[in-house]
Protein backbone atom coordinates (compact mmCIF):
# COMPACT_ATOMS: atom_id res chain seq x y z
CA MET A 1 90.69 94.41 96.72
CA ARG A 2 89.76 96.04 99.98
CA PRO A 3 86.05 96.08 100.89
CA GLY A 4 84.52 99.52 101.23
CA PRO A 5 81.29 101.46 101.06
CA PRO A 6 79.08 101.12 97.97
CA GLN A 7 79.95 103.25 94.92
CA GLY A 8 79.27 106.93 95.52
CA GLU A 9 79.17 106.60 99.31
CA GLY A 10 81.81 107.07 101.96
CA ARG A 11 84.62 109.59 102.16
CA ARG A 12 84.95 112.36 99.64
CA SER A 13 88.22 113.08 97.81
CA TYR A 14 90.00 116.26 98.89
CA THR A 15 93.29 118.07 98.38
CA THR A 16 95.23 118.92 101.54
CA SER A 17 97.88 121.19 100.02
CA ILE A 18 99.41 122.35 96.74
CA ALA A 19 102.92 123.73 96.18
CA PHE A 20 105.41 124.14 93.35
CA GLY A 21 108.23 121.57 93.36
CA PRO A 22 111.24 123.39 91.84
CA THR A 23 113.34 120.22 91.62
CA ILE A 24 110.82 118.46 89.40
CA GLY A 25 109.45 121.64 87.79
CA LYS A 26 105.78 120.86 88.49
CA ASN A 27 103.02 121.73 90.91
CA ILE A 28 102.48 119.02 93.53
CA ALA A 29 99.12 118.39 95.16
CA LEU A 30 98.81 116.17 98.22
CA ALA A 31 95.37 114.62 98.36
CA TYR A 32 93.18 111.93 99.84
CA LEU A 33 91.69 109.62 97.21
CA PRO A 34 89.40 106.67 97.78
CA TYR A 35 91.14 103.33 97.24
CA GLU A 36 89.56 102.71 93.82
CA PHE A 37 91.14 105.93 92.41
CA CYS A 38 94.71 105.27 93.66
CA GLN A 39 96.43 104.13 90.47
CA VAL A 40 99.62 105.77 89.20
CA GLY A 41 98.92 107.40 85.84
CA ARG A 42 95.21 107.90 86.47
CA GLU A 43 93.95 111.25 85.20
CA LEU A 44 91.53 113.20 87.40
CA GLN A 45 90.30 116.75 87.87
CA ILE A 46 90.61 119.17 90.80
CA GLN A 47 87.93 121.81 91.29
CA TYR A 48 89.04 125.07 92.90
CA PHE A 49 86.02 127.33 93.38
CA ALA A 50 84.54 127.53 89.83
CA ASP A 51 87.70 126.43 87.99
CA VAL A 52 88.56 122.82 87.08
CA TYR A 53 92.18 121.69 86.56
CA PRO A 54 93.41 118.40 85.06
CA VAL A 55 95.79 116.35 87.25
CA LYS A 56 97.56 112.99 87.01
CA VAL A 57 98.40 110.63 89.87
CA ASP A 58 102.21 110.30 89.85
CA ALA A 59 102.70 108.58 93.20
CA VAL A 60 100.69 106.61 95.74
CA GLY A 61 101.81 106.32 99.34
CA TYR A 62 105.42 107.20 100.08
CA LYS A 63 106.89 107.05 96.55
CA SER A 64 109.37 109.82 95.81
CA LEU A 65 108.68 112.13 92.86
CA TYR A 66 112.27 113.40 92.54
CA ASP A 67 114.50 110.31 92.65
CA PRO A 68 112.31 107.21 93.05
CA ALA A 69 115.19 104.80 92.31
CA ASN A 70 117.55 106.68 94.69
CA VAL A 71 120.36 106.81 92.08
CA LYS A 72 121.28 110.51 92.17
CA PRO A 73 124.41 111.36 94.18
CA ARG A 74 123.97 113.08 97.52
CA SER A 75 126.06 116.02 98.66
């Protein structure tokens, strides 16, 4: 495990952009998460003004959401 600041200190999580991914049929949010929250499958919440939305971490780093195993034929 990587050393970091004590719990509750350090960088804050934030979303850099959100867009609809038509190929996977879901909204995709790109975000910065502290190291201890970067687990695939982890459920979190995003606050947008006064509204809170549930989200799930589907990829960490450079993992592809569309064809992670690279098995689909290319044109």
